[in-house]
mmCIF file of all heavy atoms, coordinates in Angstrom:
data_MODEL
# 
_entry.id   MODEL 
# 
loop_
_atom_site.group_PDB 
_atom_site.id 
_atom_site.type_symbol 
_atom_site.label_atom_id 
_atom_site.label_alt_id 
_atom_site.label_comp_id 
_atom_site.label_asym_id 
_atom_site.label_entity_id 
_atom_site.label_seq_id 
_atom_site.pdbx_PDB_ins_code 
_atom_site.Cartn_x 
_atom_site.Cartn_y 
_atom_site.Cartn_z 
_atom_site.occupancy 
_atom_site.B_iso_or_equiv 
_atom_site.pdbx_formal_charge 
_atom_site.auth_seq_id 
_atom_site.auth_comp_id 
_atom_site.auth_asym_id 
_atom_site.auth_atom_id 
_atom_site.pdbx_PDB_model_num 
ATOM 1   N N   . TYR A 1 1  ? 3.373   10.443  -11.389 1.00 0.00 ? 1  TYR A N   1 
ATOM 2   C CA  . TYR A 1 1  ? 3.934   9.100   -11.241 1.00 0.00 ? 1  TYR A CA  1 
ATOM 3   C C   . TYR A 1 1  ? 5.301   9.223   -10.581 1.00 0.00 ? 1  TYR A C   1 
ATOM 4   O O   . TYR A 1 1  ? 6.032   10.204  -10.786 1.00 0.00 ? 1  TYR A O   1 
ATOM 5   C CB  . TYR A 1 1  ? 4.066   8.411   -12.598 1.00 0.00 ? 1  TYR A CB  1 
ATOM 6   C CG  . TYR A 1 1  ? 2.772   7.852   -13.134 1.00 0.00 ? 1  TYR A CG  1 
ATOM 7   C CD1 . TYR A 1 1  ? 1.984   8.595   -14.012 1.00 0.00 ? 1  TYR A CD1 1 
ATOM 8   C CD2 . TYR A 1 1  ? 2.325   6.583   -12.765 1.00 0.00 ? 1  TYR A CD2 1 
ATOM 9   C CE1 . TYR A 1 1  ? 0.797   8.090   -14.510 1.00 0.00 ? 1  TYR A CE1 1 
ATOM 10  C CE2 . TYR A 1 1  ? 1.141   6.076   -13.266 1.00 0.00 ? 1  TYR A CE2 1 
ATOM 11  C CZ  . TYR A 1 1  ? 0.379   6.828   -14.136 1.00 0.00 ? 1  TYR A CZ  1 
ATOM 12  O OH  . TYR A 1 1  ? -0.803  6.318   -14.616 1.00 0.00 ? 1  TYR A OH  1 
ATOM 13  N N   . CYS A 1 2  ? 5.655   8.193   -9.802  1.00 0.00 ? 2  CYS A N   1 
ATOM 14  C CA  . CYS A 1 2  ? 6.992   8.131   -9.219  1.00 0.00 ? 2  CYS A CA  1 
ATOM 15  C C   . CYS A 1 2  ? 7.480   6.691   -9.264  1.00 0.00 ? 2  CYS A C   1 
ATOM 16  O O   . CYS A 1 2  ? 6.699   5.771   -9.483  1.00 0.00 ? 2  CYS A O   1 
ATOM 17  C CB  . CYS A 1 2  ? 7.016   8.672   -7.788  1.00 0.00 ? 2  CYS A CB  1 
ATOM 18  S SG  . CYS A 1 2  ? 6.226   7.598   -6.566  1.00 0.00 ? 2  CYS A SG  1 
ATOM 19  N N   . SER A 1 3  ? 8.753   6.500   -9.051  1.00 0.00 ? 3  SER A N   1 
ATOM 20  C CA  . SER A 1 3  ? 9.333   5.168   -9.150  1.00 0.00 ? 3  SER A CA  1 
ATOM 21  C C   . SER A 1 3  ? 8.948   4.306   -7.963  1.00 0.00 ? 3  SER A C   1 
ATOM 22  O O   . SER A 1 3  ? 8.622   4.812   -6.872  1.00 0.00 ? 3  SER A O   1 
ATOM 23  C CB  . SER A 1 3  ? 10.856  5.261   -9.230  1.00 0.00 ? 3  SER A CB  1 
ATOM 24  O OG  . SER A 1 3  ? 11.400  5.584   -7.958  1.00 0.00 ? 3  SER A OG  1 
ATOM 25  N N   . ASP A 1 4  ? 9.001   2.985   -8.162  1.00 0.00 ? 4  ASP A N   1 
ATOM 26  C CA  . ASP A 1 4  ? 8.732   2.082   -7.056  1.00 0.00 ? 4  ASP A CA  1 
ATOM 27  C C   . ASP A 1 4  ? 9.780   2.227   -5.961  1.00 0.00 ? 4  ASP A C   1 
ATOM 28  O O   . ASP A 1 4  ? 9.494   1.967   -4.782  1.00 0.00 ? 4  ASP A O   1 
ATOM 29  C CB  . ASP A 1 4  ? 8.624   0.639   -7.537  1.00 0.00 ? 4  ASP A CB  1 
ATOM 30  C CG  . ASP A 1 4  ? 9.870   0.122   -8.228  1.00 0.00 ? 4  ASP A CG  1 
ATOM 31  O OD1 . ASP A 1 4  ? 10.791  0.927   -8.552  1.00 0.00 ? 4  ASP A OD1 1 
ATOM 32  O OD2 . ASP A 1 4  ? 9.953   -1.105  -8.469  1.00 0.00 ? 4  ASP A OD2 1 
ATOM 33  N N   . LYS A 1 5  ? 10.977  2.670   -6.306  1.00 0.00 ? 5  LYS A N   1 
ATOM 34  C CA  . LYS A 1 5  ? 12.025  2.881   -5.296  1.00 0.00 ? 5  LYS A CA  1 
ATOM 35  C C   . LYS A 1 5  ? 11.639  4.000   -4.339  1.00 0.00 ? 5  LYS A C   1 
ATOM 36  O O   . LYS A 1 5  ? 11.949  3.951   -3.144  1.00 0.00 ? 5  LYS A O   1 
ATOM 37  C CB  . LYS A 1 5  ? 13.357  3.197   -5.965  1.00 0.00 ? 5  LYS A CB  1 
ATOM 38  C CG  . LYS A 1 5  ? 13.873  2.091   -6.866  1.00 0.00 ? 5  LYS A CG  1 
ATOM 39  C CD  . LYS A 1 5  ? 14.093  0.790   -6.111  1.00 0.00 ? 5  LYS A CD  1 
ATOM 40  C CE  . LYS A 1 5  ? 14.665  -0.300  -7.002  1.00 0.00 ? 5  LYS A CE  1 
ATOM 41  N NZ  . LYS A 1 5  ? 14.761  -1.609  -6.295  1.00 0.00 ? 5  LYS A NZ  1 
ATOM 42  N N   . ASP A 1 6  ? 10.973  5.041   -4.862  1.00 0.00 ? 6  ASP A N   1 
ATOM 43  C CA  . ASP A 1 6  ? 10.523  6.134   -3.997  1.00 0.00 ? 6  ASP A CA  1 
ATOM 44  C C   . ASP A 1 6  ? 9.448   5.645   -3.029  1.00 0.00 ? 6  ASP A C   1 
ATOM 45  O O   . ASP A 1 6  ? 9.479   5.983   -1.834  1.00 0.00 ? 6  ASP A O   1 
ATOM 46  C CB  . ASP A 1 6  ? 9.984   7.284   -4.839  1.00 0.00 ? 6  ASP A CB  1 
ATOM 47  C CG  . ASP A 1 6  ? 11.053  7.961   -5.668  1.00 0.00 ? 6  ASP A CG  1 
ATOM 48  O OD1 . ASP A 1 6  ? 12.228  7.926   -5.267  1.00 0.00 ? 6  ASP A OD1 1 
ATOM 49  O OD2 . ASP A 1 6  ? 10.721  8.523   -6.732  1.00 0.00 ? 6  ASP A OD2 1 
ATOM 50  N N   . VAL A 1 7  ? 8.507   4.877   -3.517  1.00 0.00 ? 7  VAL A N   1 
ATOM 51  C CA  . VAL A 1 7  ? 7.466   4.340   -2.642  1.00 0.00 ? 7  VAL A CA  1 
ATOM 52  C C   . VAL A 1 7  ? 8.082   3.384   -1.607  1.00 0.00 ? 7  VAL A C   1 
ATOM 53  O O   . VAL A 1 7  ? 7.659   3.350   -0.445  1.00 0.00 ? 7  VAL A O   1 
ATOM 54  C CB  . VAL A 1 7  ? 6.363   3.643   -3.453  1.00 0.00 ? 7  VAL A CB  1 
ATOM 55  C CG1 . VAL A 1 7  ? 5.388   2.905   -2.555  1.00 0.00 ? 7  VAL A CG1 1 
ATOM 56  C CG2 . VAL A 1 7  ? 5.614   4.667   -4.304  1.00 0.00 ? 7  VAL A CG2 1 
ATOM 57  N N   . GLU A 1 8  ? 9.089   2.647   -2.018  1.00 0.00 ? 8  GLU A N   1 
ATOM 58  C CA  . GLU A 1 8  ? 9.784   1.751   -1.084  1.00 0.00 ? 8  GLU A CA  1 
ATOM 59  C C   . GLU A 1 8  ? 10.390  2.561   0.065   1.00 0.00 ? 8  GLU A C   1 
ATOM 60  O O   . GLU A 1 8  ? 10.349  2.147   1.233   1.00 0.00 ? 8  GLU A O   1 
ATOM 61  C CB  . GLU A 1 8  ? 10.851  0.962   -1.825  1.00 0.00 ? 8  GLU A CB  1 
ATOM 62  C CG  . GLU A 1 8  ? 11.554  -0.067  -0.973  1.00 0.00 ? 8  GLU A CG  1 
ATOM 63  C CD  . GLU A 1 8  ? 12.499  -0.929  -1.794  1.00 0.00 ? 8  GLU A CD  1 
ATOM 64  O OE1 . GLU A 1 8  ? 13.167  -0.402  -2.697  1.00 0.00 ? 8  GLU A OE1 1 
ATOM 65  O OE2 . GLU A 1 8  ? 12.552  -2.153  -1.530  1.00 0.00 ? 8  GLU A OE2 1 
ATOM 66  N N   . LYS A 1 9  ? 10.963  3.728   -0.245  1.00 0.00 ? 9  LYS A N   1 
ATOM 67  C CA  . LYS A 1 9  ? 11.534  4.584   0.801   1.00 0.00 ? 9  LYS A CA  1 
ATOM 68  C C   . LYS A 1 9  ? 10.426  5.043   1.767   1.00 0.00 ? 9  LYS A C   1 
ATOM 69  O O   . LYS A 1 9  ? 10.629  5.056   2.984   1.00 0.00 ? 9  LYS A O   1 
ATOM 70  C CB  . LYS A 1 9  ? 12.192  5.814   0.178   1.00 0.00 ? 9  LYS A CB  1 
ATOM 71  C CG  . LYS A 1 9  ? 13.448  5.530   -0.634  1.00 0.00 ? 9  LYS A CG  1 
ATOM 72  C CD  . LYS A 1 9  ? 13.937  6.825   -1.279  1.00 0.00 ? 9  LYS A CD  1 
ATOM 73  C CE  . LYS A 1 9  ? 15.072  6.584   -2.239  1.00 0.00 ? 9  LYS A CE  1 
ATOM 74  N NZ  . LYS A 1 9  ? 15.478  7.827   -2.932  1.00 0.00 ? 9  LYS A NZ  1 
ATOM 75  N N   . ALA A 1 10 ? 9.279   5.413   1.216   1.00 0.00 ? 10 ALA A N   1 
ATOM 76  C CA  . ALA A 1 10 ? 8.176   5.874   2.059   1.00 0.00 ? 10 ALA A CA  1 
ATOM 77  C C   . ALA A 1 10 ? 7.691   4.751   2.973   1.00 0.00 ? 10 ALA A C   1 
ATOM 78  O O   . ALA A 1 10 ? 7.462   4.958   4.166   1.00 0.00 ? 10 ALA A O   1 
ATOM 79  C CB  . ALA A 1 10 ? 7.033   6.382   1.185   1.00 0.00 ? 10 ALA A CB  1 
ATOM 80  N N   . ILE A 1 11 ? 7.538   3.558   2.420   1.00 0.00 ? 11 ILE A N   1 
ATOM 81  C CA  . ILE A 1 11 ? 7.099   2.409   3.226   1.00 0.00 ? 11 ILE A CA  1 
ATOM 82  C C   . ILE A 1 11 ? 8.078   2.147   4.361   1.00 0.00 ? 11 ILE A C   1 
ATOM 83  O O   . ILE A 1 11 ? 7.689   1.804   5.482   1.00 0.00 ? 11 ILE A O   1 
ATOM 84  C CB  . ILE A 1 11 ? 6.935   1.179   2.325   1.00 0.00 ? 11 ILE A CB  1 
ATOM 85  C CG1 . ILE A 1 11 ? 5.764   1.369   1.364   1.00 0.00 ? 11 ILE A CG1 1 
ATOM 86  C CG2 . ILE A 1 11 ? 6.739   -0.090  3.162   1.00 0.00 ? 11 ILE A CG2 1 
ATOM 87  C CD1 . ILE A 1 11 ? 5.682   0.331   0.279   1.00 0.00 ? 11 ILE A CD1 1 
ATOM 88  N N   . GLY A 1 12 ? 9.350   2.328   4.085   1.00 0.00 ? 12 GLY A N   1 
ATOM 89  C CA  . GLY A 1 12 ? 10.389  2.101   5.090   1.00 0.00 ? 12 GLY A CA  1 
ATOM 90  C C   . GLY A 1 12 ? 10.278  3.024   6.286   1.00 0.00 ? 12 GLY A C   1 
ATOM 91  O O   . GLY A 1 12 ? 10.805  2.715   7.366   1.00 0.00 ? 12 GLY A O   1 
ATOM 92  N N   . GLN A 1 13 ? 9.569   4.136   6.135   1.00 0.00 ? 13 GLN A N   1 
ATOM 93  C CA  . GLN A 1 13 ? 9.386   5.056   7.250   1.00 0.00 ? 13 GLN A CA  1 
ATOM 94  C C   . GLN A 1 13 ? 8.262   4.602   8.195   1.00 0.00 ? 13 GLN A C   1 
ATOM 95  O O   . GLN A 1 13 ? 8.092   5.160   9.274   1.00 0.00 ? 13 GLN A O   1 
ATOM 96  C CB  . GLN A 1 13 ? 9.128   6.466   6.718   1.00 0.00 ? 13 GLN A CB  1 
ATOM 97  C CG  . GLN A 1 13 ? 10.344  7.041   6.003   1.00 0.00 ? 13 GLN A CG  1 
ATOM 98  C CD  . GLN A 1 13 ? 10.113  8.447   5.479   1.00 0.00 ? 13 GLN A CD  1 
ATOM 99  O OE1 . GLN A 1 13 ? 9.172   9.143   5.873   1.00 0.00 ? 13 GLN A OE1 1 
ATOM 100 N NE2 . GLN A 1 13 ? 10.970  8.877   4.568   1.00 0.00 ? 13 GLN A NE2 1 
ATOM 101 N N   . GLY A 1 14 ? 7.450   3.628   7.762   1.00 0.00 ? 14 GLY A N   1 
ATOM 102 C CA  . GLY A 1 14 ? 6.595   2.915   8.713   1.00 0.00 ? 14 GLY A CA  1 
ATOM 103 C C   . GLY A 1 14 ? 5.180   3.389   8.906   1.00 0.00 ? 14 GLY A C   1 
ATOM 104 O O   . GLY A 1 14 ? 4.486   2.915   9.812   1.00 0.00 ? 14 GLY A O   1 
ATOM 105 N N   . ASP A 1 15 ? 4.684   4.319   8.050   1.00 0.00 ? 15 ASP A N   1 
ATOM 106 C CA  . ASP A 1 15 ? 3.318   4.813   8.269   1.00 0.00 ? 15 ASP A CA  1 
ATOM 107 C C   . ASP A 1 15 ? 2.552   4.855   6.944   1.00 0.00 ? 15 ASP A C   1 
ATOM 108 O O   . ASP A 1 15 ? 1.967   5.873   6.570   1.00 0.00 ? 15 ASP A O   1 
ATOM 109 C CB  . ASP A 1 15 ? 3.360   6.210   8.899   1.00 0.00 ? 15 ASP A CB  1 
ATOM 110 C CG  . ASP A 1 15 ? 2.022   6.646   9.466   1.00 0.00 ? 15 ASP A CG  1 
ATOM 111 O OD1 . ASP A 1 15 ? 1.153   5.786   9.678   1.00 0.00 ? 15 ASP A OD1 1 
ATOM 112 O OD2 . ASP A 1 15 ? 1.844   7.865   9.695   1.00 0.00 ? 15 ASP A OD2 1 
ATOM 113 N N   . VAL A 1 16 ? 2.526   3.716   6.267   1.00 0.00 ? 16 VAL A N   1 
ATOM 114 C CA  . VAL A 1 16 ? 1.796   3.575   4.998   1.00 0.00 ? 16 VAL A CA  1 
ATOM 115 C C   . VAL A 1 16 ? 0.771   2.458   5.185   1.00 0.00 ? 16 VAL A C   1 
ATOM 116 O O   . VAL A 1 16 ? 1.135   1.308   5.444   1.00 0.00 ? 16 VAL A O   1 
ATOM 117 C CB  . VAL A 1 16 ? 2.752   3.252   3.831   1.00 0.00 ? 16 VAL A CB  1 
ATOM 118 C CG1 . VAL A 1 16 ? 1.981   3.049   2.537   1.00 0.00 ? 16 VAL A CG1 1 
ATOM 119 C CG2 . VAL A 1 16 ? 3.787   4.369   3.665   1.00 0.00 ? 16 VAL A CG2 1 
ATOM 120 N N   . PHE A 1 17 ? -0.522  2.819   5.067   1.00 0.00 ? 17 PHE A N   1 
ATOM 121 C CA  . PHE A 1 17 ? -1.602  1.885   5.398   1.00 0.00 ? 17 PHE A CA  1 
ATOM 122 C C   . PHE A 1 17 ? -2.559  1.681   4.230   1.00 0.00 ? 17 PHE A C   1 
ATOM 123 O O   . PHE A 1 17 ? -2.810  2.592   3.431   1.00 0.00 ? 17 PHE A O   1 
ATOM 124 C CB  . PHE A 1 17 ? -2.408  2.401   6.593   1.00 0.00 ? 17 PHE A CB  1 
ATOM 125 C CG  . PHE A 1 17 ? -1.718  2.207   7.917   1.00 0.00 ? 17 PHE A CG  1 
ATOM 126 C CD1 . PHE A 1 17 ? -0.766  3.122   8.357   1.00 0.00 ? 17 PHE A CD1 1 
ATOM 127 C CD2 . PHE A 1 17 ? -2.018  1.117   8.715   1.00 0.00 ? 17 PHE A CD2 1 
ATOM 128 C CE1 . PHE A 1 17 ? -0.118  2.942   9.573   1.00 0.00 ? 17 PHE A CE1 1 
ATOM 129 C CE2 . PHE A 1 17 ? -1.381  0.931   9.930   1.00 0.00 ? 17 PHE A CE2 1 
ATOM 130 C CZ  . PHE A 1 17 ? -0.434  1.843   10.366  1.00 0.00 ? 17 PHE A CZ  1 
ATOM 131 N N   . VAL A 1 18 ? -3.110  0.474   4.176   1.00 0.00 ? 18 VAL A N   1 
ATOM 132 C CA  . VAL A 1 18 ? -4.215  0.167   3.280   1.00 0.00 ? 18 VAL A CA  1 
ATOM 133 C C   . VAL A 1 18 ? -5.410  -0.173  4.143   1.00 0.00 ? 18 VAL A C   1 
ATOM 134 O O   . VAL A 1 18 ? -5.271  -0.768  5.220   1.00 0.00 ? 18 VAL A O   1 
ATOM 135 C CB  . VAL A 1 18 ? -3.871  -1.000  2.330   1.00 0.00 ? 18 VAL A CB  1 
ATOM 136 C CG1 . VAL A 1 18 ? -3.664  -2.300  3.092   1.00 0.00 ? 18 VAL A CG1 1 
ATOM 137 C CG2 . VAL A 1 18 ? -4.943  -1.161  1.258   1.00 0.00 ? 18 VAL A CG2 1 
ATOM 138 N N   . LYS A 1 19 ? -6.602  0.266   3.698   1.00 0.00 ? 19 LYS A N   1 
ATOM 139 C CA  . LYS A 1 19 ? -7.819  0.023   4.447   1.00 0.00 ? 19 LYS A CA  1 
ATOM 140 C C   . LYS A 1 19 ? -8.501  -1.251  3.966   1.00 0.00 ? 19 LYS A C   1 
ATOM 141 O O   . LYS A 1 19 ? -8.421  -1.610  2.802   1.00 0.00 ? 19 LYS A O   1 
ATOM 142 C CB  . LYS A 1 19 ? -8.787  1.190   4.272   1.00 0.00 ? 19 LYS A CB  1 
ATOM 143 C CG  . LYS A 1 19 ? -8.468  2.441   5.058   1.00 0.00 ? 19 LYS A CG  1 
ATOM 144 C CD  . LYS A 1 19 ? -7.039  2.658   5.353   1.00 0.00 ? 19 LYS A CD  1 
ATOM 145 C CE  . LYS A 1 19 ? -6.643  4.109   5.363   1.00 0.00 ? 19 LYS A CE  1 
ATOM 146 N NZ  . LYS A 1 19 ? -5.254  4.291   5.032   1.00 0.00 ? 19 LYS A NZ  1 
ATOM 147 N N   . ILE A 1 20 ? -9.187  -1.927  4.871   1.00 0.00 ? 20 ILE A N   1 
ATOM 148 C CA  . ILE A 1 20 ? -9.797  -3.219  4.554   1.00 0.00 ? 20 ILE A CA  1 
ATOM 149 C C   . ILE A 1 20 ? -11.278 -3.165  4.878   1.00 0.00 ? 20 ILE A C   1 
ATOM 150 O O   . ILE A 1 20 ? -11.657 -2.842  6.014   1.00 0.00 ? 20 ILE A O   1 
ATOM 151 C CB  . ILE A 1 20 ? -9.124  -4.350  5.345   1.00 0.00 ? 20 ILE A CB  1 
ATOM 152 C CG1 . ILE A 1 20 ? -7.596  -4.338  5.111   1.00 0.00 ? 20 ILE A CG1 1 
ATOM 153 C CG2 . ILE A 1 20 ? -9.714  -5.701  4.970   1.00 0.00 ? 20 ILE A CG2 1 
ATOM 154 C CD1 . ILE A 1 20 ? -6.840  -5.317  5.989   1.00 0.00 ? 20 ILE A CD1 1 
ATOM 155 N N   . ASN A 1 21 ? -12.125 -3.474  3.901   1.00 0.00 ? 21 ASN A N   1 
ATOM 156 C CA  . ASN A 1 21 ? -13.564 -3.508  4.159   1.00 0.00 ? 21 ASN A CA  1 
ATOM 157 C C   . ASN A 1 21 ? -13.969 -4.932  4.549   1.00 0.00 ? 21 ASN A C   1 
ATOM 158 O O   . ASN A 1 21 ? -13.124 -5.793  4.814   1.00 0.00 ? 21 ASN A O   1 
ATOM 159 C CB  . ASN A 1 21 ? -14.351 -2.992  2.950   1.00 0.00 ? 21 ASN A CB  1 
ATOM 160 C CG  . ASN A 1 21 ? -14.123 -3.823  1.702   1.00 0.00 ? 21 ASN A CG  1 
ATOM 161 O OD1 . ASN A 1 21 ? -13.698 -4.972  1.773   1.00 0.00 ? 21 ASN A OD1 1 
ATOM 162 N ND2 . ASN A 1 21 ? -14.413 -3.241  0.545   1.00 0.00 ? 21 ASN A ND2 1 
ATOM 163 N N   . VAL A 1 22 ? -15.271 -5.199  4.573   1.00 0.00 ? 22 VAL A N   1 
ATOM 164 C CA  . VAL A 1 22 ? -15.744 -6.504  5.063   1.00 0.00 ? 22 VAL A CA  1 
ATOM 165 C C   . VAL A 1 22 ? -15.285 -7.654  4.170   1.00 0.00 ? 22 VAL A C   1 
ATOM 166 O O   . VAL A 1 22 ? -15.270 -8.809  4.607   1.00 0.00 ? 22 VAL A O   1 
ATOM 167 C CB  . VAL A 1 22 ? -17.282 -6.512  5.161   1.00 0.00 ? 22 VAL A CB  1 
ATOM 168 C CG1 . VAL A 1 22 ? -17.744 -5.536  6.230   1.00 0.00 ? 22 VAL A CG1 1 
ATOM 169 C CG2 . VAL A 1 22 ? -17.930 -6.163  3.822   1.00 0.00 ? 22 VAL A CG2 1 
ATOM 170 N N   . ASP A 1 23 ? -14.903 -7.365  2.936   1.00 0.00 ? 23 ASP A N   1 
ATOM 171 C CA  . ASP A 1 23 ? -14.452 -8.426  2.034   1.00 0.00 ? 23 ASP A CA  1 
ATOM 172 C C   . ASP A 1 23 ? -13.011 -8.839  2.286   1.00 0.00 ? 23 ASP A C   1 
ATOM 173 O O   . ASP A 1 23 ? -12.531 -9.825  1.705   1.00 0.00 ? 23 ASP A O   1 
ATOM 174 C CB  . ASP A 1 23 ? -14.612 -7.989  0.584   1.00 0.00 ? 23 ASP A CB  1 
ATOM 175 C CG  . ASP A 1 23 ? -16.056 -7.740  0.204   1.00 0.00 ? 23 ASP A CG  1 
ATOM 176 O OD1 . ASP A 1 23 ? -16.924 -8.452  0.743   1.00 0.00 ? 23 ASP A OD1 1 
ATOM 177 O OD2 . ASP A 1 23 ? -16.316 -6.822  -0.601  1.00 0.00 ? 23 ASP A OD2 1 
ATOM 178 N N   . GLY A 1 24 ? -12.294 -8.070  3.120   1.00 0.00 ? 24 GLY A N   1 
ATOM 179 C CA  . GLY A 1 24 ? -10.902 -8.392  3.398   1.00 0.00 ? 24 GLY A CA  1 
ATOM 180 C C   . GLY A 1 24 ? -9.987  -8.006  2.252   1.00 0.00 ? 24 GLY A C   1 
ATOM 181 O O   . GLY A 1 24 ? -10.373 -7.312  1.308   1.00 0.00 ? 24 GLY A O   1 
ATOM 182 N N   . ILE A 1 25 ? -8.733  -8.456  2.335   1.00 0.00 ? 25 ILE A N   1 
ATOM 183 C CA  . ILE A 1 25 ? -7.751  -8.175  1.285   1.00 0.00 ? 25 ILE A CA  1 
ATOM 184 C C   . ILE A 1 25 ? -7.850  -9.276  0.232   1.00 0.00 ? 25 ILE A C   1 
ATOM 185 O O   . ILE A 1 25 ? -7.451  -10.419 0.470   1.00 0.00 ? 25 ILE A O   1 
ATOM 186 C CB  . ILE A 1 25 ? -6.320  -8.117  1.858   1.00 0.00 ? 25 ILE A CB  1 
ATOM 187 C CG1 . ILE A 1 25 ? -6.173  -6.917  2.802   1.00 0.00 ? 25 ILE A CG1 1 
ATOM 188 C CG2 . ILE A 1 25 ? -5.313  -8.001  0.726   1.00 0.00 ? 25 ILE A CG2 1 
ATOM 189 C CD1 . ILE A 1 25 ? -4.781  -6.770  3.374   1.00 0.00 ? 25 ILE A CD1 1 
ATOM 190 N N   . GLN A 1 26 ? -8.429  -8.925  -0.878  1.00 0.00 ? 26 GLN A N   1 
ATOM 191 C CA  . GLN A 1 26 ? -8.499  -9.866  -1.987  1.00 0.00 ? 26 GLN A CA  1 
ATOM 192 C C   . GLN A 1 26 ? -8.579  -9.088  -3.280  1.00 0.00 ? 26 GLN A C   1 
ATOM 193 O O   . GLN A 1 26 ? -8.860  -7.886  -3.295  1.00 0.00 ? 26 GLN A O   1 
ATOM 194 C CB  . GLN A 1 26 ? -9.718  -10.778 -1.840  1.00 0.00 ? 26 GLN A CB  1 
ATOM 195 C CG  . GLN A 1 26 ? -11.043 -10.049 -1.739  1.00 0.00 ? 26 GLN A CG  1 
ATOM 196 C CD  . GLN A 1 26 ? -12.196 -11.009 -1.581  1.00 0.00 ? 26 GLN A CD  1 
ATOM 197 O OE1 . GLN A 1 26 ? -12.588 -11.681 -2.526  1.00 0.00 ? 26 GLN A OE1 1 
ATOM 198 N NE2 . GLN A 1 26 ? -12.741 -11.087 -0.377  1.00 0.00 ? 26 GLN A NE2 1 
ATOM 199 N N   . ARG A 1 27 ? -8.308  -9.745  -4.388  1.00 0.00 ? 27 ARG A N   1 
ATOM 200 C CA  . ARG A 1 27 ? -8.328  -9.084  -5.680  1.00 0.00 ? 27 ARG A CA  1 
ATOM 201 C C   . ARG A 1 27 ? -9.753  -8.770  -6.082  1.00 0.00 ? 27 ARG A C   1 
ATOM 202 O O   . ARG A 1 27 ? -10.630 -9.635  -6.061  1.00 0.00 ? 27 ARG A O   1 
ATOM 203 C CB  . ARG A 1 27 ? -7.682  -10.000 -6.737  1.00 0.00 ? 27 ARG A CB  1 
ATOM 204 C CG  . ARG A 1 27 ? -7.439  -9.323  -8.072  1.00 0.00 ? 27 ARG A CG  1 
ATOM 205 C CD  . ARG A 1 27 ? -6.681  -10.237 -9.013  1.00 0.00 ? 27 ARG A CD  1 
ATOM 206 N NE  . ARG A 1 27 ? -5.476  -10.775 -8.376  1.00 0.00 ? 27 ARG A NE  1 
ATOM 207 C CZ  . ARG A 1 27 ? -4.350  -10.082 -8.201  1.00 0.00 ? 27 ARG A CZ  1 
ATOM 208 N NH1 . ARG A 1 27 ? -4.282  -8.840  -8.640  1.00 0.00 ? 27 ARG A NH1 1 
ATOM 209 N NH2 . ARG A 1 27 ? -3.310  -10.630 -7.628  1.00 0.00 ? 27 ARG A NH2 1 
ATOM 210 N N   . LYS A 1 28 ? -9.989  -7.499  -6.416  1.00 0.00 ? 28 LYS A N   1 
ATOM 211 C CA  . LYS A 1 28 ? -11.303 -7.119  -6.883  1.00 0.00 ? 28 LYS A CA  1 
ATOM 212 C C   . LYS A 1 28 ? -11.531 -7.700  -8.279  1.00 0.00 ? 28 LYS A C   1 
ATOM 213 O O   . LYS A 1 28 ? -10.609 -7.821  -9.071  1.00 0.00 ? 28 LYS A O   1 
ATOM 214 C CB  . LYS A 1 28 ? -11.447 -5.603  -6.879  1.00 0.00 ? 28 LYS A CB  1 
ATOM 215 C CG  . LYS A 1 28 ? -11.349 -4.994  -5.484  1.00 0.00 ? 28 LYS A CG  1 
ATOM 216 C CD  . LYS A 1 28 ? -11.662 -3.530  -5.488  1.00 0.00 ? 28 LYS A CD  1 
ATOM 217 C CE  . LYS A 1 28 ? -11.409 -2.912  -4.115  1.00 0.00 ? 28 LYS A CE  1 
ATOM 218 N NZ  . LYS A 1 28 ? -12.238 -3.493  -3.057  1.00 0.00 ? 28 LYS A NZ  1 
ATOM 219 N N   . ASN A 1 29 ? -12.767 -8.042  -8.537  1.00 0.00 ? 29 ASN A N   1 
ATOM 220 C CA  . ASN A 1 29 ? -13.109 -8.697  -9.791  1.00 0.00 ? 29 ASN A CA  1 
ATOM 221 C C   . ASN A 1 29 ? -13.247 -7.685  -10.924 1.00 0.00 ? 29 ASN A C   1 
ATOM 222 O O   . ASN A 1 29 ? -14.315 -7.431  -11.447 1.00 0.00 ? 29 ASN A O   1 
ATOM 223 C CB  . ASN A 1 29 ? -14.420 -9.481  -9.619  1.00 0.00 ? 29 ASN A CB  1 
ATOM 224 C CG  . ASN A 1 29 ? -14.744 -10.305 -10.839 1.00 0.00 ? 29 ASN A CG  1 
ATOM 225 O OD1 . ASN A 1 29 ? -13.849 -10.739 -11.584 1.00 0.00 ? 29 ASN A OD1 1 
ATOM 226 N ND2 . ASN A 1 29 ? -16.021 -10.538 -11.071 1.00 0.00 ? 29 ASN A ND2 1 
# 
């Protein structure tokens, strides 16, 4: 586990991706 601040730093570097299937970005049930 790491802090949200660490992940925020990683996101700031610009190469953090989430993949999207045919259902798109939505909350899984």
